[in-house]
Protein backbone atom coordinates (compact mmCIF):
# COMPACT_ATOMS: atom_id res chain seq x y z
CA MET A 1 26.49 43.58 119.87
CA ILE A 2 24.06 41.54 117.27
CA ARG A 3 24.17 37.83 116.94
CA MET A 4 21.67 36.27 114.08
CA GLU A 5 20.61 32.43 114.65
CA GLY A 6 19.47 30.07 111.82
CA VAL A 7 17.15 33.51 110.73
CA ARG A 8 14.55 32.62 107.77
CA LYS A 9 12.53 34.85 106.47
CA SER A 10 9.73 34.01 103.14
CA PHE A 11 7.22 35.62 101.32
CA GLY A 12 4.99 33.32 100.09
CA SER A 13 7.34 31.09 97.77
CA ASN A 14 9.87 33.22 97.88
CA HIS A 15 12.51 32.03 100.21
CA VAL A 16 14.63 35.27 101.26
CA LEU A 17 16.44 34.43 104.59
CA ARG A 18 17.76 30.53 104.59
CA GLY A 19 19.50 30.35 107.87
CA LEU A 20 21.61 32.99 108.53
CA ASP A 21 23.89 32.98 111.31
CA LEU A 22 25.84 36.33 111.89
CA ASP A 23 27.87 37.58 114.76
CA VAL A 24 28.45 41.35 115.00
CA PRO A 25 30.75 42.29 117.79
CA LYS A 26 30.44 45.31 120.22
CA GLY A 27 31.89 48.57 118.57
CA THR A 28 33.05 47.08 115.22
CA SER A 29 31.97 47.70 111.39
CA MET A 30 30.36 44.85 109.94
CA VAL A 31 29.70 45.64 105.61
CA ILE A 32 27.19 42.90 104.44
CA ILE A 33 27.69 42.65 101.00
CA GLY A 34 25.73 40.55 97.88
CA GLY A 35 23.67 41.06 94.59
CA SER A 36 20.58 42.98 94.65
CA GLY A 37 17.66 40.70 96.26
CA THR A 38 19.78 39.01 98.22
CA GLY A 39 17.90 39.51 101.64
CA LYS A 40 20.38 41.83 103.14
CA SER A 41 17.60 44.77 103.62
CA VAL A 42 15.78 42.10 104.81
CA ALA A 43 18.09 41.03 107.59
CA LEU A 44 18.29 44.54 108.87
CA LYS A 45 14.55 44.99 108.94
CA CYS A 46 14.43 41.39 111.12
CA ILE A 47 16.89 43.10 113.30
CA LEU A 48 14.67 45.84 113.95
CA GLY A 49 11.45 44.34 114.07
CA LEU A 50 10.12 45.91 111.08
CA VAL A 51 9.92 42.33 109.71
CA THR A 52 9.48 38.95 111.78
CA PRO A 53 11.04 36.19 111.20
CA ASP A 54 9.80 33.13 110.26
CA ALA A 55 12.17 30.53 112.45
CA GLY A 56 15.55 31.57 114.43
CA ARG A 57 16.37 33.82 117.08
CA ILE A 58 18.24 37.59 116.69
CA LEU A 59 19.94 38.39 120.09
CA VAL A 60 21.12 42.13 120.72
CA ASP A 61 23.44 42.62 123.63
CA GLY A 62 22.65 39.41 124.99
CA GLN A 63 18.52 40.01 124.89
CA ASP A 64 15.93 39.09 122.66
CA ALA A 65 15.21 41.35 119.87
CA ALA A 66 11.67 40.86 119.76
CA ALA A 67 11.28 41.06 123.97
CA GLY A 68 10.39 43.95 125.99
CA ASP A 69 9.63 47.64 125.57
CA HIS A 70 9.79 48.05 121.41
CA ASP A 71 10.31 51.69 121.48
CA ALA A 72 12.95 51.62 124.47
CA PHE A 73 14.88 48.66 121.79
CA LEU A 74 14.64 51.27 118.68
CA ALA A 75 16.08 53.89 120.72
CA ARG A 76 19.30 51.97 120.52
CA PHE A 77 19.56 52.78 116.73
CA GLY A 78 20.52 55.31 114.59
CA MET A 79 20.07 54.78 110.61
CA LEU A 80 21.31 56.34 107.40
CA PHE A 81 18.57 55.44 104.37
CA GLN A 82 19.08 54.90 101.08
CA GLY A 83 17.73 58.04 100.04
CA GLY A 84 17.98 59.88 102.14
CA ALA A 85 14.17 59.77 103.61
CA LEU A 86 14.11 63.71 104.36
CA PHE A 87 11.13 65.19 105.29
CA ASP A 88 10.82 67.76 102.66
CA SER A 89 8.36 70.19 104.62
CA LEU A 90 10.98 70.09 107.62
CA PRO A 91 13.38 72.36 107.63
CA VAL A 92 16.84 70.74 107.96
CA TRP A 93 17.42 71.30 111.80
CA GLN A 94 13.71 69.37 112.24
CA ASN A 95 14.80 66.40 110.07
CA VAL A 96 17.87 65.88 112.25
CA ALA A 97 16.34 66.65 115.45
CA PHE A 98 13.31 64.39 114.66
CA ARG A 99 13.35 61.13 117.08
CA LEU A 100 14.27 64.54 119.76
CA LEU A 101 11.52 66.28 119.56
CA ARG A 102 9.00 63.53 120.12
CA GLY A 103 8.64 60.39 121.81
CA SER A 104 10.93 58.95 124.99
CA LEU A 105 13.74 60.71 124.02
CA LYS A 106 12.28 64.24 123.80
CA ARG A 107 14.34 67.46 124.41
CA PRO A 108 13.04 70.88 124.88
CA ARG A 109 13.10 72.55 121.26
CA GLU A 110 16.05 74.83 121.91
CA GLU A 111 17.97 71.85 123.10
CA ALA A 112 17.20 69.83 120.69
CA ARG A 113 18.38 72.39 117.57
CA ALA A 114 21.57 73.45 119.59
CA ILE A 115 22.26 69.77 119.37
CA ALA A 116 20.98 69.35 115.93
CA VAL A 117 23.20 72.47 114.68
CA GLU A 118 26.17 70.47 116.55
CA LYS A 119 25.48 66.99 114.31
CA LEU A 120 25.86 69.24 111.27
CA ARG A 121 28.42 70.85 112.12
CA ARG A 122 30.50 66.94 112.77
CA VAL A 123 29.41 66.31 109.02
CA GLY A 124 30.62 69.26 107.55
CA LEU A 125 27.56 71.41 107.43
CA LYS A 126 27.13 75.30 108.60
CA ALA A 127 24.80 76.32 110.94
CA ASP A 128 22.60 78.34 108.40
CA VAL A 129 21.99 74.90 106.22
CA ALA A 130 19.50 74.44 109.49
CA ASP A 131 16.78 76.54 107.99
CA ARG A 132 17.17 75.74 104.71
CA LEU A 133 14.75 73.05 103.05
CA PRO A 134 16.02 69.55 101.79
CA ALA A 135 15.30 70.37 98.13
CA GLU A 136 17.53 73.73 98.73
CA LEU A 137 20.36 71.20 99.28
CA SER A 138 22.44 69.32 96.64
CA GLY A 139 22.52 65.47 97.14
CA GLY A 140 25.65 65.41 99.16
CA MET A 141 24.51 67.75 101.12
CA GLN A 142 20.81 65.82 101.67
CA LYS A 143 23.36 62.55 102.81
CA ARG A 144 25.23 64.59 104.83
CA VAL A 145 21.58 65.72 107.17
CA GLY A 146 20.79 62.01 106.68
CA LEU A 147 24.13 60.89 108.75
CA ALA A 148 23.24 63.86 111.05
CA ARG A 149 20.41 62.74 111.76
CA ALA A 150 21.47 59.17 112.07
CA ILE A 151 23.47 60.22 114.94
CA ALA A 152 21.51 62.64 116.91
CA ALA A 153 20.74 60.31 119.41
CA GLU A 154 23.82 58.71 120.06
CA PRO A 155 22.88 56.08 119.00
CA GLU A 156 24.83 52.59 120.13
CA ILE A 157 24.02 50.74 117.00
CA ILE A 158 23.77 52.38 113.19
CA PHE A 159 22.74 50.84 110.23
CA PHE A 160 24.12 52.41 106.91
CA ASP A 161 22.01 51.44 104.27
CA GLU A 162 23.54 52.24 100.22
CA PRO A 163 25.39 55.11 102.46
CA THR A 164 27.01 56.55 98.59
CA THR A 165 24.17 55.43 96.28
CA GLY A 166 23.36 58.78 93.49
CA LEU A 167 27.13 60.51 94.83
CA ASP A 168 30.04 60.95 92.90
CA PRO A 169 33.19 59.61 93.12
CA ILE A 170 34.56 62.36 95.77
CA MET A 171 31.15 62.88 97.73
CA SER A 172 31.28 58.65 98.09
CA GLY A 173 34.73 59.00 99.52
CA VAL A 174 33.84 61.95 101.58
CA ILE A 175 30.83 59.63 103.35
CA ASN A 176 32.88 56.76 103.55
CA ASP A 177 35.29 58.96 105.61
CA LEU A 178 32.81 60.63 107.65
CA ILE A 179 30.90 57.29 108.40
CA ARG A 180 34.36 55.73 109.59
CA GLU A 181 35.49 58.55 111.53
CA ILE A 182 31.70 58.76 113.33
CA VAL A 183 31.78 55.13 114.31
CA VAL A 184 35.45 55.48 115.64
CA GLU A 185 34.70 58.04 117.38
CA MET A 186 31.35 56.89 119.12
CA GLY A 187 32.21 53.32 120.05
CA ALA A 188 28.81 52.44 118.04
CA THR A 189 28.05 49.14 116.36
CA ALA A 190 28.21 49.37 112.76
CA ILE A 191 26.27 47.46 110.14
CA THR A 192 26.42 48.76 106.82
CA ILE A 193 25.00 47.71 103.04
CA THR A 194 26.37 48.55 100.11
CA HIS A 195 27.41 47.17 96.47
CA ASP A 196 30.15 49.92 96.22
CA MET A 197 33.56 47.89 97.45
CA THR A 198 35.39 51.32 97.94
CA SER A 199 32.75 52.01 100.50
CA VAL A 200 33.74 48.43 101.54
CA ARG A 201 37.35 48.56 102.28
CA ALA A 202 36.49 52.53 103.52
CA ILE A 203 34.28 51.42 105.94
CA ALA A 204 34.45 47.38 107.30
CA ASP A 205 36.32 45.44 110.38
CA THR A 206 34.60 42.88 108.70
CA VAL A 207 32.46 42.00 105.80
CA ALA A 208 30.15 39.51 105.61
CA MET A 209 28.86 38.02 102.21
CA LEU A 210 25.05 37.32 102.03
CA HIS A 211 24.23 34.91 98.84
CA ASP A 212 21.07 32.25 98.30
CA GLY A 213 19.73 33.27 102.10
CA VAL A 214 23.18 32.92 104.32
CA ILE A 215 26.15 33.65 104.65
CA GLN A 216 28.71 32.95 102.40
CA TRP A 217 31.92 34.43 103.95
CA THR A 218 32.68 36.32 106.57
CA GLY A 219 35.94 37.48 107.77
CA PRO A 220 38.12 40.76 108.49
CA VAL A 221 38.58 43.46 105.31
CA SER A 222 42.01 43.00 105.29
CA GLN A 223 41.44 38.86 104.24
CA MET A 224 38.79 39.41 101.69
CA ASP A 225 40.71 39.67 98.43
CA GLY A 226 42.73 36.64 99.57
CA SER A 227 39.86 34.27 100.59
CA GLY A 228 39.86 32.28 98.54
CA ASP A 229 35.78 32.07 98.13
CA PRO A 230 34.37 31.97 94.42
CA TYR A 231 31.59 33.59 95.21
CA LEU A 232 32.73 36.32 97.07
CA ASP A 233 36.20 36.24 94.94
CA GLN A 234 33.01 37.05 91.97
CA PHE A 235 31.20 39.23 93.75
CA ILE A 236 34.53 41.57 94.86
CA HIS A 237 35.43 41.77 90.97
CA GLY A 238 32.30 42.44 89.34
CA ARG A 239 32.83 39.06 87.42
CA ALA A 240 30.32 38.17 84.91
CA GLU A 241 31.27 34.28 85.08
CA GLY A 242 31.02 32.29 88.02
CA PRO A 243 29.18 30.50 90.67
CA ILE A 244 26.99 33.63 91.27
CA GLU A 245 24.25 33.76 88.25
CA ALA A 246 23.52 37.54 86.21
CA VAL A 247 20.17 37.14 85.77
CA ARG A 248 19.83 38.31 82.17
């Protein structure tokens, strides 16, 4: 579903992506891991066309991601943002139905609300949450609202950016389980960025380790612990010593 070939991106003298190659098969859940500042978010922004690569090629479902109608292209994606990124002045249901109230995906207002309430129910939130403001919700509830928004338009591809950041271990487990269930139910292709190894094991079909601008290792999550790759081994076990230098 997604193929990145030799993708390079620099910001001045900062060479973030140095020839990134990655394949994400249709209907699978890929988790990209790696240290802070290694280019994980930049890779997602390149796929979405929010950042233009300096070199390389990105294909989505066999088509050049940089060609054609960009609005129609983006309509195929859903996104769960790291900080929730809810609009604090809009009630919850309008946050969930944001894409359904405008643009090419626009639906009648009552239909959009009904879809929002159904998606809230899917992530374990009752209908009475729909008319609250985000500030009235806990961090875990806000994350669920963000997840409901990500799936509201039934996207083919969903990106999850640090989905459990700031959550306690129990709520992190709830979010991980929801993500896994929803991706399987929808048959969606998913890419998740996370530092949380518990999330990796709960969400991933395949894992890609991004280091120094390239994919250092990729393979099934079941092979991660026995990979023999020193970079991956150091990262998943959180060791200070190894080929990845800790910034002091």
